[in-house]
């Protein structure tokens, strides 16, 4: 177990990069949600088409493709899911979204791994490709992110 934690930590240190974690607050529905169809507006900048209130944070992570043994356990996906590792405890839930440059992945499963003395060593997520229209989602996400960054850069001046 300790060797696995060391390997994952080294993997994150060596190959890690910054990405964005979009947490969905499923207890708060977005105003864009159609009351009849229960569908969200795919162009809504408040929820990014998810239908729920969102919280965006920057995270440091490393990712890899699923190996064959793991792939046999995760059935029913057209594309090979990614395994994403983040150091420590990161609150991530099923259906949250990780945006990685030009890709977006929906979190299917999360595991929190403890070290030998009980500390939270790392968080592991299994993430297939997004269920939503990925290209539209990425475009909308970049617009929202640019709006946010430019607004906060102007406040600093």
N, C-alpha and C. Protein backbone atom coordinates (compact mmCIF):
# COMPACT_ATOMS: atom_id res chain seq x y z
N UNK A 1 0.82 -1.19 0.00
CA UNK A 1 0.00 0.00 0.00
C UNK A 1 0.87 1.26 0.00
N UNK A 2 1.89 1.29 0.87
CA UNK A 2 2.76 2.46 0.95
C UNK A 2 3.46 2.69 -0.39
N UNK A 3 3.86 1.61 -1.07
CA UNK A 3 4.53 1.72 -2.36
C UNK A 3 3.58 2.33 -3.39
N UNK A 4 2.31 1.93 -3.37
CA UNK A 4 1.31 2.46 -4.29
C UNK A 4 1.14 3.97 -4.07
N UNK A 5 1.07 4.39 -2.81
CA UNK A 5 0.91 5.81 -2.49
C UNK A 5 2.12 6.60 -2.99
N UNK A 6 3.32 6.04 -2.79
CA UNK A 6 4.54 6.69 -3.28
C UNK A 6 4.53 6.81 -4.80
N UNK A 7 4.09 5.73 -5.48
CA UNK A 7 4.04 5.75 -6.94
C UNK A 7 3.06 6.79 -7.46
N UNK A 8 1.89 6.87 -6.84
CA UNK A 8 0.89 7.84 -7.27
C UNK A 8 1.40 9.25 -7.00
N UNK A 9 2.01 9.47 -5.85
CA UNK A 9 2.55 10.79 -5.52
C UNK A 9 3.63 11.19 -6.53
N UNK A 10 4.50 10.25 -6.89
CA UNK A 10 5.54 10.53 -7.89
C UNK A 10 4.93 10.81 -9.25
N UNK A 11 3.89 10.07 -9.60
CA UNK A 11 3.19 10.27 -10.87
C UNK A 11 2.63 11.69 -10.95
N UNK A 12 1.99 12.14 -9.87
CA UNK A 12 1.42 13.49 -9.85
C UNK A 12 2.53 14.54 -9.91
N UNK A 13 3.61 14.34 -9.13
CA UNK A 13 4.72 15.29 -9.13
C UNK A 13 5.37 15.40 -10.52
N UNK A 14 5.54 14.27 -11.16
CA UNK A 14 6.27 14.25 -12.43
C UNK A 14 5.41 14.67 -13.63
N UNK A 15 4.17 14.19 -13.67
CA UNK A 15 3.34 14.40 -14.86
C UNK A 15 2.12 15.30 -14.60
N UNK A 16 2.04 15.87 -13.41
CA UNK A 16 0.87 16.66 -13.06
C UNK A 16 0.76 17.96 -13.82
N UNK A 17 -0.45 18.44 -13.91
CA UNK A 17 -0.75 19.70 -14.59
C UNK A 17 -2.04 20.27 -13.99
N UNK A 18 -2.31 21.53 -14.28
CA UNK A 18 -3.51 22.16 -13.76
C UNK A 18 -4.69 21.93 -14.71
N UNK A 19 -5.83 21.70 -14.11
CA UNK A 19 -7.09 21.53 -14.84
C UNK A 19 -8.18 22.15 -13.96
N UNK A 20 -9.42 22.05 -14.40
CA UNK A 20 -10.52 22.62 -13.64
C UNK A 20 -11.51 21.53 -13.23
N UNK A 21 -11.97 21.65 -12.00
CA UNK A 21 -12.98 20.75 -11.46
C UNK A 21 -14.27 21.55 -11.33
N UNK A 22 -15.33 21.04 -11.95
CA UNK A 22 -16.63 21.68 -11.87
C UNK A 22 -17.51 20.79 -11.00
N UNK A 23 -17.82 21.31 -9.81
CA UNK A 23 -18.67 20.56 -8.88
C UNK A 23 -20.12 20.96 -9.12
N UNK A 24 -20.99 19.98 -9.18
CA UNK A 24 -22.42 20.23 -9.36
C UNK A 24 -23.10 20.20 -8.00
N UNK A 25 -23.85 21.24 -7.70
CA UNK A 25 -24.65 21.25 -6.47
C UNK A 25 -26.06 20.82 -6.89
N UNK A 26 -26.33 19.53 -6.79
CA UNK A 26 -27.59 18.99 -7.29
C UNK A 26 -28.80 19.35 -6.44
N UNK A 27 -28.56 20.01 -5.33
CA UNK A 27 -29.70 20.45 -4.52
C UNK A 27 -30.22 21.82 -4.98
N UNK A 28 -29.47 22.49 -5.88
CA UNK A 28 -29.90 23.79 -6.39
C UNK A 28 -29.98 23.72 -7.92
N UNK A 29 -31.21 23.73 -8.43
CA UNK A 29 -31.41 23.68 -9.88
C UNK A 29 -31.25 25.07 -10.47
N UNK A 30 -30.74 25.11 -11.69
CA UNK A 30 -30.55 26.38 -12.41
C UNK A 30 -31.90 26.86 -12.94
N UNK A 31 -32.04 28.18 -13.07
CA UNK A 31 -33.26 28.78 -13.62
C UNK A 31 -33.52 28.39 -15.06
N UNK A 32 -32.50 27.93 -15.77
CA UNK A 32 -32.66 27.58 -17.17
C UNK A 32 -33.35 26.23 -17.37
N UNK A 33 -33.54 25.48 -16.29
CA UNK A 33 -34.14 24.15 -16.37
C UNK A 33 -35.60 24.27 -16.81
N UNK A 34 -35.96 23.56 -17.86
CA UNK A 34 -37.33 23.55 -18.36
C UNK A 34 -38.19 22.72 -17.41
N UNK A 35 -39.23 23.30 -16.83
CA UNK A 35 -40.03 22.58 -15.83
C UNK A 35 -40.79 21.37 -16.42
N UNK A 36 -41.08 21.41 -17.70
CA UNK A 36 -41.82 20.31 -18.31
C UNK A 36 -40.89 19.17 -18.71
N UNK A 37 -39.85 19.50 -19.49
CA UNK A 37 -38.95 18.46 -20.00
C UNK A 37 -37.84 18.10 -19.02
N UNK A 38 -37.59 18.98 -18.04
CA UNK A 38 -36.50 18.81 -17.06
C UNK A 38 -35.12 18.90 -17.72
N UNK A 39 -35.07 19.47 -18.92
CA UNK A 39 -33.81 19.67 -19.64
C UNK A 39 -33.26 21.06 -19.34
N UNK A 40 -31.94 21.15 -19.26
CA UNK A 40 -31.27 22.44 -19.07
C UNK A 40 -30.95 23.05 -20.42
N UNK A 41 -30.81 24.37 -20.45
CA UNK A 41 -30.39 25.07 -21.66
C UNK A 41 -28.90 24.81 -21.85
N UNK A 42 -28.54 24.17 -22.94
CA UNK A 42 -27.13 23.79 -23.17
C UNK A 42 -26.22 25.00 -23.36
N UNK A 43 -26.81 26.20 -23.52
CA UNK A 43 -26.01 27.42 -23.70
C UNK A 43 -26.02 28.31 -22.46
N UNK A 44 -26.52 27.80 -21.35
CA UNK A 44 -26.61 28.59 -20.12
C UNK A 44 -25.23 28.76 -19.50
N UNK A 45 -24.84 30.01 -19.27
CA UNK A 45 -23.53 30.30 -18.69
C UNK A 45 -23.51 30.15 -17.17
N UNK A 46 -24.68 30.11 -16.55
CA UNK A 46 -24.73 29.94 -15.09
C UNK A 46 -24.42 28.50 -14.67
N UNK A 47 -24.92 27.55 -15.46
CA UNK A 47 -24.75 26.13 -15.09
C UNK A 47 -23.95 25.34 -16.11
N UNK A 48 -23.54 25.98 -17.19
CA UNK A 48 -22.82 25.33 -18.29
C UNK A 48 -23.62 24.17 -18.89
N UNK A 49 -24.94 24.31 -18.86
CA UNK A 49 -25.80 23.30 -19.46
C UNK A 49 -26.04 22.08 -18.61
N UNK A 50 -25.58 22.10 -17.35
CA UNK A 50 -25.75 20.94 -16.47
C UNK A 50 -27.12 20.93 -15.79
N UNK A 51 -27.72 22.11 -15.63
CA UNK A 51 -29.00 22.22 -14.96
C UNK A 51 -28.90 22.45 -13.46
N UNK A 52 -27.67 22.52 -12.96
CA UNK A 52 -27.46 22.70 -11.52
C UNK A 52 -26.48 23.84 -11.25
N UNK A 53 -26.55 24.37 -10.04
CA UNK A 53 -25.57 25.37 -9.63
C UNK A 53 -24.20 24.71 -9.66
N UNK A 54 -23.20 25.45 -10.13
CA UNK A 54 -21.85 24.88 -10.24
C UNK A 54 -20.84 25.69 -9.43
N UNK A 55 -19.75 25.04 -9.10
CA UNK A 55 -18.61 25.70 -8.46
C UNK A 55 -17.37 25.23 -9.22
N UNK A 56 -16.59 26.18 -9.73
CA UNK A 56 -15.40 25.86 -10.52
C UNK A 56 -14.16 26.12 -9.69
N UNK A 57 -13.25 25.14 -9.65
CA UNK A 57 -11.98 25.34 -8.95
C UNK A 57 -10.84 24.75 -9.79
N UNK A 58 -9.67 25.33 -9.60
CA UNK A 58 -8.47 24.87 -10.30
C UNK A 58 -7.84 23.77 -9.45
N UNK A 59 -7.47 22.65 -10.08
CA UNK A 59 -6.87 21.53 -9.35
C UNK A 59 -5.60 21.06 -10.07
N UNK A 60 -4.69 20.49 -9.30
CA UNK A 60 -3.46 19.92 -9.85
C UNK A 60 -3.66 18.41 -9.87
N UNK A 61 -3.47 17.80 -11.04
CA UNK A 61 -3.77 16.38 -11.19
C UNK A 61 -2.85 15.73 -12.20
N UNK A 62 -2.91 14.42 -12.24
CA UNK A 62 -2.26 13.63 -13.28
C UNK A 62 -3.30 12.66 -13.79
N UNK A 63 -3.22 12.31 -15.07
CA UNK A 63 -4.20 11.39 -15.63
C UNK A 63 -3.50 10.33 -16.46
N UNK A 64 -4.19 9.21 -16.61
CA UNK A 64 -3.69 8.14 -17.45
C UNK A 64 -4.87 7.41 -18.06
N UNK A 65 -4.58 6.65 -19.11
CA UNK A 65 -5.62 5.82 -19.73
C UNK A 65 -5.86 4.60 -18.84
N UNK A 66 -7.06 4.07 -18.91
CA UNK A 66 -7.40 2.85 -18.18
C UNK A 66 -6.67 1.68 -18.83
N UNK A 67 -6.10 0.78 -17.99
CA UNK A 67 -5.47 -0.40 -18.56
C UNK A 67 -6.51 -1.48 -18.84
N UNK A 68 -6.11 -2.54 -19.50
CA UNK A 68 -7.06 -3.57 -19.95
C UNK A 68 -7.81 -4.22 -18.79
N UNK A 69 -7.11 -4.52 -17.70
CA UNK A 69 -7.74 -5.16 -16.55
C UNK A 69 -8.83 -4.26 -15.96
N UNK A 70 -8.53 -2.95 -15.84
CA UNK A 70 -9.52 -2.01 -15.32
C UNK A 70 -10.67 -1.83 -16.29
N UNK A 71 -10.36 -1.86 -17.59
CA UNK A 71 -11.36 -1.67 -18.63
C UNK A 71 -12.43 -2.75 -18.58
N UNK A 72 -12.04 -3.96 -18.21
CA UNK A 72 -13.01 -5.05 -18.11
C UNK A 72 -14.02 -4.80 -16.99
N UNK A 73 -13.63 -4.05 -15.97
CA UNK A 73 -14.52 -3.75 -14.85
C UNK A 73 -15.46 -2.59 -15.17
N UNK A 74 -15.06 -1.74 -16.11
CA UNK A 74 -15.85 -0.54 -16.46
C UNK A 74 -16.44 -0.78 -17.84
N UNK A 75 -17.62 -1.33 -17.90
CA UNK A 75 -18.25 -1.68 -19.17
C UNK A 75 -19.18 -0.57 -19.64
N UNK A 76 -19.48 -0.59 -20.93
CA UNK A 76 -20.52 0.28 -21.47
C UNK A 76 -20.07 1.67 -21.90
N UNK A 77 -18.78 1.88 -22.13
CA UNK A 77 -18.32 3.19 -22.59
C UNK A 77 -17.69 3.07 -23.96
N UNK A 78 -18.03 4.02 -24.84
CA UNK A 78 -17.50 3.97 -26.19
C UNK A 78 -16.03 4.39 -26.23
N UNK A 79 -15.64 5.30 -25.35
CA UNK A 79 -14.25 5.74 -25.30
C UNK A 79 -13.61 5.22 -24.01
N UNK A 80 -12.30 5.06 -24.06
CA UNK A 80 -11.59 4.58 -22.88
C UNK A 80 -11.60 5.65 -21.81
N UNK A 81 -12.08 5.31 -20.61
CA UNK A 81 -12.09 6.31 -19.53
C UNK A 81 -10.67 6.68 -19.09
N UNK A 82 -10.56 7.82 -18.46
CA UNK A 82 -9.30 8.26 -17.85
C UNK A 82 -9.35 7.95 -16.37
N UNK A 83 -8.18 7.68 -15.81
CA UNK A 83 -8.03 7.60 -14.37
C UNK A 83 -7.31 8.89 -13.99
N UNK A 84 -7.90 9.63 -13.06
CA UNK A 84 -7.34 10.92 -12.66
C UNK A 84 -6.96 10.86 -11.19
N UNK A 85 -5.75 11.32 -10.88
CA UNK A 85 -5.22 11.32 -9.51
C UNK A 85 -4.99 12.75 -9.05
N UNK A 86 -5.39 13.03 -7.81
CA UNK A 86 -5.12 14.32 -7.18
C UNK A 86 -4.59 14.05 -5.78
N UNK A 87 -3.54 14.78 -5.37
CA UNK A 87 -2.96 14.58 -4.04
C UNK A 87 -3.93 15.00 -2.95
N UNK A 88 -3.92 14.25 -1.86
CA UNK A 88 -4.74 14.59 -0.71
C UNK A 88 -6.20 14.28 -0.93
N UNK A 89 -7.03 14.85 -0.06
CA UNK A 89 -8.47 14.66 -0.16
C UNK A 89 -9.05 15.79 -1.00
N UNK A 90 -9.70 15.44 -2.09
CA UNK A 90 -10.39 16.42 -2.93
C UNK A 90 -11.85 15.98 -2.98
N UNK A 91 -12.74 16.89 -2.63
CA UNK A 91 -14.16 16.54 -2.65
C UNK A 91 -14.65 16.52 -4.09
N UNK A 92 -14.87 15.32 -4.59
CA UNK A 92 -15.34 15.10 -5.95
C UNK A 92 -16.47 14.07 -5.87
N UNK A 93 -17.53 14.33 -6.61
CA UNK A 93 -18.69 13.43 -6.59
C UNK A 93 -19.02 12.92 -7.99
N UNK A 94 -19.80 11.86 -8.03
CA UNK A 94 -20.28 11.32 -9.30
C UNK A 94 -20.97 12.43 -10.08
N UNK A 95 -20.71 12.50 -11.36
CA UNK A 95 -21.26 13.48 -12.31
C UNK A 95 -20.60 14.85 -12.26
N UNK A 96 -19.65 15.10 -11.32
CA UNK A 96 -18.86 16.32 -11.41
C UNK A 96 -18.06 16.24 -12.71
N UNK A 97 -17.51 17.36 -13.15
CA UNK A 97 -16.83 17.41 -14.45
C UNK A 97 -15.41 17.92 -14.27
N UNK A 98 -14.47 17.27 -14.96
CA UNK A 98 -13.07 17.72 -14.97
C UNK A 98 -12.76 18.20 -16.38
N UNK A 99 -12.33 19.46 -16.48
CA UNK A 99 -11.98 20.05 -17.78
C UNK A 99 -10.47 20.11 -17.88
N UNK A 100 -9.97 19.47 -18.91
CA UNK A 100 -8.55 19.25 -19.12
C UNK A 100 -8.21 19.77 -20.52
N UNK A 101 -7.74 20.98 -20.63
CA UNK A 101 -7.44 21.68 -21.90
C UNK A 101 -8.63 21.61 -22.86
N UNK A 102 -8.58 20.73 -23.85
CA UNK A 102 -9.66 20.63 -24.84
C UNK A 102 -10.58 19.44 -24.57
N UNK A 103 -10.51 18.84 -23.41
CA UNK A 103 -11.33 17.69 -23.08
C UNK A 103 -12.13 17.93 -21.82
N UNK A 104 -13.23 17.23 -21.70
CA UNK A 104 -14.04 17.28 -20.48
C UNK A 104 -14.47 15.86 -20.16
N UNK A 105 -14.38 15.52 -18.89
CA UNK A 105 -14.69 14.17 -18.44
C UNK A 105 -15.68 14.24 -17.29
N UNK A 106 -16.64 13.33 -17.29
CA UNK A 106 -17.61 13.22 -16.21
C UNK A 106 -17.09 12.21 -15.20
N UNK A 107 -17.13 12.55 -13.94
CA UNK A 107 -16.67 11.64 -12.89
C UNK A 107 -17.70 10.53 -12.72
N UNK A 108 -17.25 9.30 -12.87
CA UNK A 108 -18.11 8.14 -12.70
C UNK A 108 -17.99 7.58 -11.28
N UNK A 109 -16.75 7.56 -10.79
CA UNK A 109 -16.48 6.95 -9.49
C UNK A 109 -15.30 7.67 -8.84
N UNK A 110 -15.36 7.82 -7.52
CA UNK A 110 -14.28 8.46 -6.76
C UNK A 110 -13.85 7.56 -5.62
N UNK A 111 -12.54 7.50 -5.40
CA UNK A 111 -11.99 6.75 -4.26
C UNK A 111 -11.00 7.65 -3.54
N UNK A 112 -11.08 7.64 -2.21
CA UNK A 112 -10.14 8.41 -1.38
C UNK A 112 -9.22 7.40 -0.70
N UNK A 113 -7.92 7.52 -0.94
CA UNK A 113 -6.94 6.57 -0.40
C UNK A 113 -6.19 7.19 0.77
N UNK A 114 -6.11 6.42 1.83
CA UNK A 114 -5.39 6.87 3.03
C UNK A 114 -3.98 6.30 3.06
N UNK A 115 -3.07 7.07 3.66
CA UNK A 115 -1.71 6.61 3.88
C UNK A 115 -1.64 5.72 5.11
N UNK A 116 -0.46 5.23 5.43
CA UNK A 116 -0.29 4.30 6.55
C UNK A 116 -0.65 4.91 7.90
N UNK A 117 -0.45 6.21 8.07
CA UNK A 117 -0.79 6.83 9.36
C UNK A 117 -2.16 7.50 9.33
N UNK A 118 -2.97 7.19 8.35
CA UNK A 118 -4.34 7.67 8.31
C UNK A 118 -4.58 8.96 7.55
N UNK A 119 -3.54 9.62 7.04
CA UNK A 119 -3.74 10.86 6.30
C UNK A 119 -4.32 10.55 4.92
N UNK A 120 -5.00 11.53 4.34
CA UNK A 120 -5.56 11.38 3.00
C UNK A 120 -4.43 11.51 1.98
N UNK A 121 -4.01 10.40 1.41
CA UNK A 121 -2.87 10.39 0.50
C UNK A 121 -3.22 10.93 -0.89
N UNK A 122 -4.30 10.40 -1.47
CA UNK A 122 -4.70 10.87 -2.80
C UNK A 122 -6.15 10.53 -3.08
N UNK A 123 -6.69 11.21 -4.08
CA UNK A 123 -8.05 10.98 -4.57
C UNK A 123 -7.92 10.44 -5.99
N UNK A 124 -8.65 9.37 -6.27
CA UNK A 124 -8.62 8.72 -7.58
C UNK A 124 -10.02 8.77 -8.17
N UNK A 125 -10.12 9.22 -9.43
CA UNK A 125 -11.42 9.31 -10.12
C UNK A 125 -11.37 8.52 -11.42
N UNK A 126 -12.44 7.81 -11.71
CA UNK A 126 -12.63 7.14 -13.00
C UNK A 126 -13.53 8.06 -13.80
N UNK A 127 -13.05 8.49 -14.98
CA UNK A 127 -13.75 9.53 -15.72
C UNK A 127 -13.88 9.19 -17.21
N UNK A 128 -15.07 8.74 -17.63
CA UNK A 128 -15.29 8.58 -19.07
C UNK A 128 -15.53 9.95 -19.71
N UNK A 129 -15.58 9.98 -21.03
CA UNK A 129 -15.89 11.23 -21.73
C UNK A 129 -17.23 11.77 -21.27
N UNK A 130 -17.43 13.06 -21.46
CA UNK A 130 -18.68 13.72 -21.05
C UNK A 130 -19.89 13.17 -21.76
N UNK A 131 -21.01 13.26 -21.05
CA UNK A 131 -22.30 12.85 -21.64
C UNK A 131 -22.87 13.97 -22.51
N UNK A 132 -22.57 15.22 -22.15
CA UNK A 132 -23.10 16.38 -22.87
C UNK A 132 -22.34 16.61 -24.18
N UNK A 133 -22.81 17.57 -24.98
CA UNK A 133 -22.11 17.96 -26.20
C UNK A 133 -20.78 18.60 -25.79
N UNK A 134 -19.69 17.84 -25.94
CA UNK A 134 -18.40 18.26 -25.40
C UNK A 134 -17.87 19.54 -26.05
N UNK A 135 -17.94 19.66 -27.36
CA UNK A 135 -17.37 20.85 -28.02
C UNK A 135 -18.13 22.11 -27.60
N UNK A 136 -19.45 22.04 -27.50
CA UNK A 136 -20.23 23.19 -27.05
C UNK A 136 -19.92 23.49 -25.59
N UNK A 137 -19.79 22.46 -24.77
CA UNK A 137 -19.49 22.64 -23.35
C UNK A 137 -18.13 23.33 -23.17
N UNK A 138 -17.10 22.86 -23.88
CA UNK A 138 -15.74 23.45 -23.76
C UNK A 138 -15.77 24.91 -24.20
N UNK A 139 -16.45 25.21 -25.31
CA UNK A 139 -16.55 26.59 -25.80
C UNK A 139 -17.21 27.48 -24.75
N UNK A 140 -18.31 27.02 -24.19
CA UNK A 140 -19.03 27.77 -23.16
C UNK A 140 -18.18 27.93 -21.90
N UNK A 141 -17.50 26.86 -21.50
CA UNK A 141 -16.64 26.91 -20.32
C UNK A 141 -15.54 27.96 -20.49
N UNK A 142 -14.91 27.99 -21.65
CA UNK A 142 -13.84 28.97 -21.91
C UNK A 142 -14.38 30.40 -21.86
N UNK A 143 -15.58 30.61 -22.39
CA UNK A 143 -16.19 31.94 -22.33
C UNK A 143 -16.42 32.36 -20.88
N UNK A 144 -17.00 31.45 -20.09
CA UNK A 144 -17.28 31.73 -18.68
C UNK A 144 -15.98 32.00 -17.93
N UNK A 145 -14.97 31.18 -18.17
CA UNK A 145 -13.68 31.34 -17.50
C UNK A 145 -13.02 32.67 -17.89
N UNK A 146 -13.03 33.00 -19.18
CA UNK A 146 -12.46 34.28 -19.63
C UNK A 146 -13.20 35.47 -19.04
N UNK A 147 -14.54 35.39 -18.99
CA UNK A 147 -15.33 36.47 -18.38
C UNK A 147 -14.94 36.64 -16.91
N UNK A 148 -14.83 35.54 -16.21
CA UNK A 148 -14.49 35.56 -14.78
C UNK A 148 -13.09 36.15 -14.57
N UNK A 149 -12.11 35.66 -15.34
CA UNK A 149 -10.73 36.11 -15.18
C UNK A 149 -10.58 37.59 -15.54
N UNK A 150 -11.23 38.02 -16.62
CA UNK A 150 -11.10 39.43 -17.01
C UNK A 150 -11.78 40.34 -15.98
N UNK A 151 -12.90 39.90 -15.42
CA UNK A 151 -13.58 40.69 -14.39
C UNK A 151 -12.71 40.81 -13.14
N UNK A 152 -12.06 39.72 -12.75
CA UNK A 152 -11.23 39.76 -11.55
C UNK A 152 -9.90 40.47 -11.79
N UNK A 153 -9.39 40.41 -13.03
CA UNK A 153 -8.17 41.16 -13.35
C UNK A 153 -8.45 42.66 -13.30
N UNK A 154 -9.63 43.07 -13.78
CA UNK A 154 -10.02 44.49 -13.74
C UNK A 154 -10.20 44.98 -12.31
N UNK A 155 -10.68 44.11 -11.43
CA UNK A 155 -10.86 44.50 -10.00
C UNK A 155 -9.53 44.71 -9.31
N UNK A 156 -8.47 44.03 -9.76
CA UNK A 156 -7.15 44.16 -9.12
C UNK A 156 -6.47 45.47 -9.48
N UNK A 157 -6.86 46.06 -10.62
CA UNK A 157 -6.19 47.27 -11.09
C UNK A 157 -6.68 48.51 -10.43
